[in-house]
Amino acid sequence: MGRRVLYIDDDAGIRRLVERALTRRGYDVTVADGGEAGVAAARAGGFDLAAVDHYMPGIDGLETMAQLPSPPAIVYVTGSEETRVAVAALRAGAADYVVKTPGEDFFDLLDASFRQVLARAELHAEKSQAEAALRASNARLEALLAEVNHRVANSLQLVSAMVRLQAGSVTDAAARAAL
């Protein structure tokens, strides 16, 4: 089964078209009618990615994004080509931004954006796992080094005690000085 995607949009026609187009492209799509329904669906969990429309009644896309639990990664979608909307969405935490256009190009752009965002999220997760494994490895190495230092110090103390004991029992002044 494909990646689980939540598509939040108040336009029923767009939701149906997006659901069909993305399902054909291998995604497991859940749609939500507006921000409140999207937030409720997202809280139920299990989504790899959410696409959020900007213009919705009730709570708009930016407010919806602010209420979504983390993860999923978010792709911001709008019919507006205003740069300020894109900048606001990206500053609010969206991983990418797609402008709605009529025709199949929109679905291709959405698919490409989803693939890129999901790949980036996967790389980020792998990086976090690698960093955690590295920290754990460093902690184990530090513990081993501390143990080695402790054992070497104990061995040196034993050698030193034996040398002092031997020096105390030697009567020859030159041998005692050497020990």
Protein backbone atom coordinates (compact mmCIF):
# COMPACT_ATOMS: atom_id res chain seq x y z
CA MET A 1 0.00 0.00 0.00
CA GLY A 2 1.14 3.56 -0.72
CA ARG A 3 2.00 6.34 1.63
CA ARG A 4 -0.89 7.66 3.73
CA VAL A 5 -1.84 11.18 2.71
CA LEU A 6 -4.40 13.54 4.24
CA TYR A 7 -5.80 16.12 1.80
CA ILE A 8 -7.61 19.02 3.51
CA ASP A 9 -9.76 21.25 1.27
CA ASP A 10 -13.24 22.73 1.58
CA ASP A 11 -14.00 22.23 -2.15
CA ALA A 12 -15.74 18.85 -2.59
CA GLY A 13 -14.98 18.71 -6.33
CA ILE A 14 -11.27 19.30 -5.85
CA ARG A 15 -11.18 16.72 -3.03
CA ARG A 16 -12.74 14.07 -5.27
CA LEU A 17 -10.38 14.85 -8.17
CA VAL A 18 -7.31 14.86 -5.91
CA GLU A 19 -8.37 11.63 -4.22
CA ARG A 20 -8.77 9.85 -7.57
CA ALA A 21 -5.58 11.26 -9.10
CA LEU A 22 -3.40 10.50 -6.09
CA THR A 23 -4.89 7.04 -5.58
CA ARG A 24 -3.99 6.24 -9.20
CA ARG A 25 -0.45 7.37 -8.38
CA GLY A 26 -0.20 4.90 -5.50
CA TYR A 27 -1.15 6.99 -2.44
CA ASP A 28 -3.60 5.94 0.25
CA VAL A 29 -5.66 9.16 0.36
CA THR A 30 -7.98 10.40 3.08
CA VAL A 31 -9.81 13.66 2.42
CA ALA A 32 -11.15 16.14 4.94
CA ASP A 33 -13.73 18.89 4.39
CA GLY A 34 -12.03 21.92 5.91
CA GLY A 35 -9.56 22.71 8.66
CA GLU A 36 -11.47 21.40 11.67
CA ALA A 37 -12.18 18.04 10.01
CA GLY A 38 -8.55 17.85 8.83
CA VAL A 39 -7.16 18.48 12.30
CA ALA A 40 -9.49 15.82 13.74
CA ALA A 41 -8.42 13.30 11.07
CA ALA A 42 -4.74 14.11 11.60
CA ARG A 43 -5.07 13.61 15.35
CA ALA A 44 -6.35 10.10 14.64
CA GLY A 45 -2.85 9.60 13.23
CA GLY A 46 -1.07 7.42 10.77
CA PHE A 47 -0.45 9.97 8.00
CA ASP A 48 2.91 10.39 6.31
CA LEU A 49 1.95 13.71 4.76
CA ALA A 50 -0.84 16.30 4.82
CA ALA A 51 -1.79 18.71 2.06
CA VAL A 52 -3.58 21.81 3.32
CA ASP A 53 -5.55 24.30 1.24
CA HIS A 54 -5.09 27.98 2.07
CA TYR A 55 -8.58 29.46 1.59
CA MET A 56 -11.12 27.61 3.75
CA PRO A 57 -14.04 28.84 5.86
CA GLY A 58 -13.69 28.45 9.61
CA ILE A 59 -9.98 28.06 10.10
CA ASP A 60 -7.80 28.79 7.10
CA GLY A 61 -4.78 26.79 5.96
CA LEU A 62 -2.25 28.55 8.19
CA GLU A 63 -4.39 28.06 11.30
CA THR A 64 -5.00 24.43 10.30
CA MET A 65 -1.24 23.85 9.95
CA ALA A 66 -0.64 25.31 13.40
CA GLN A 67 -3.09 22.80 14.91
CA LEU A 68 -1.88 19.69 13.07
CA PRO A 69 0.03 17.19 15.21
CA SER A 70 3.60 16.40 14.22
CA PRO A 71 4.36 14.46 12.00
CA PRO A 72 3.10 14.60 9.17
CA ALA A 73 5.06 16.72 6.74
CA ILE A 74 2.88 19.42 5.18
CA VAL A 75 2.46 20.55 1.57
CA TYR A 76 0.58 23.84 1.32
CA VAL A 77 -1.90 24.13 -1.57
CA THR A 78 -3.69 27.23 -2.83
CA GLY A 79 -5.19 28.84 -5.90
CA SER A 80 -3.35 32.04 -5.07
CA GLU A 81 -0.07 32.81 -6.77
CA GLU A 82 0.72 35.50 -4.21
CA THR A 83 4.27 35.17 -2.96
CA ARG A 84 3.26 36.29 0.54
CA VAL A 85 1.00 33.23 0.92
CA ALA A 86 3.84 30.88 -0.05
CA VAL A 87 6.30 32.64 2.27
CA ALA A 88 3.82 32.58 5.16
CA ALA A 89 3.18 28.86 4.64
CA LEU A 90 6.87 27.99 4.45
CA ARG A 91 7.64 30.09 7.53
CA ALA A 92 4.80 28.34 9.38
CA GLY A 93 6.45 24.98 8.73
CA ALA A 94 5.18 23.75 5.36
CA ALA A 95 7.72 21.57 3.58
CA ASP A 96 6.57 22.69 0.13
CA TYR A 97 4.01 24.84 -1.67
CA VAL A 98 1.89 23.97 -4.73
CA VAL A 99 -0.36 26.35 -6.67
CA LYS A 100 -3.68 24.86 -7.84
CA THR A 101 -4.04 25.00 -11.60
CA PRO A 102 -6.73 23.52 -13.82
CA GLY A 103 -5.88 20.25 -15.50
CA GLU A 104 -3.64 17.27 -14.96
CA ASP A 105 -0.53 19.42 -14.36
CA PHE A 106 -1.74 20.23 -10.84
CA PHE A 107 -1.89 16.53 -9.93
CA ASP A 108 1.56 15.93 -11.43
CA LEU A 109 2.97 18.86 -9.44
CA LEU A 110 1.25 17.63 -6.29
CA ASP A 111 2.63 14.12 -6.82
CA ALA A 112 6.16 15.46 -7.46
CA SER A 113 5.95 17.64 -4.36
CA PHE A 114 4.70 14.73 -2.25
CA ARG A 115 7.51 12.48 -3.45
CA GLN A 116 10.13 15.14 -2.73
CA VAL A 117 8.73 15.97 0.72
CA LEU A 118 8.39 12.29 1.67
CA ALA A 119 11.94 11.57 0.49
CA ARG A 120 13.23 14.53 2.51
CA ALA A 121 11.30 13.37 5.59
CA GLU A 122 12.71 9.86 5.17
CA LEU A 123 16.26 11.23 4.91
CA HIS A 124 15.67 13.34 8.00
CA ALA A 125 14.41 10.31 9.93
CA GLU A 126 17.39 8.23 8.79
CA LYS A 127 19.75 11.04 9.80
CA SER A 128 18.13 11.23 13.24
CA GLN A 129 18.45 7.46 13.66
CA ALA A 130 22.10 7.55 12.57
CA GLU A 131 22.83 10.39 15.00
CA ALA A 132 21.13 8.50 17.83
CA ALA A 133 23.12 5.37 17.00
CA LEU A 134 26.33 7.42 16.91
CA ARG A 135 25.55 8.98 20.31
CA ALA A 136 24.87 5.51 21.76
CA SER A 137 28.10 4.18 20.25
CA ASN A 138 30.07 7.12 21.67
CA ALA A 139 28.55 6.52 25.10
CA ARG A 140 29.56 2.83 24.95
CA LEU A 141 33.09 3.78 23.84
CA GLU A 142 33.42 6.31 26.65
CA ALA A 143 32.32 3.66 29.17
CA LEU A 144 34.85 1.19 27.75
CA LEU A 145 37.61 3.80 27.83
CA ALA A 146 36.79 4.62 31.45
CA GLU A 147 36.96 0.90 32.30
CA VAL A 148 40.30 0.51 30.50
CA ASN A 149 41.68 3.56 32.31
CA HIS A 150 40.46 2.16 35.62
CA ARG A 151 42.03 -1.25 34.99
CA VAL A 152 45.34 0.26 33.83
CA ALA A 153 45.42 2.48 36.91
CA ASN A 154 44.75 -0.53 39.15
CA SER A 155 47.47 -2.55 37.40
CA LEU A 156 49.96 0.29 37.78
CA GLN A 157 49.10 0.55 41.48
CA LEU A 158 49.76 -3.17 41.89
CA VAL A 159 53.10 -2.91 40.08
CA SER A 160 54.05 0.13 42.14
CA ALA A 161 53.15 -1.65 45.40
CA MET A 162 55.16 -4.73 44.37
CA VAL A 163 58.17 -2.56 43.48
CA ARG A 164 57.96 -0.74 46.84
CA LEU A 165 57.66 -4.05 48.67
CA GLN A 166 60.65 -5.43 46.78
CA ALA A 167 62.63 -2.23 47.40
CA GLY A 168 61.94 -2.55 51.10
CA SER A 169 63.36 -6.05 51.25
CA VAL A 170 66.50 -5.41 49.17
CA THR A 171 69.67 -4.66 51.20
CA ASP A 172 71.87 -3.56 48.31
CA ALA A 173 71.73 0.27 48.08
CA ALA A 174 72.22 0.33 44.26
CA ALA A 175 69.39 -2.21 43.72
CA ARG A 176 67.12 -0.29 46.12
CA ALA A 177 67.84 2.96 44.22
CA ALA A 178 67.06 1.23 40.92
CA LEU A 179 63.75 -0.05 42.25
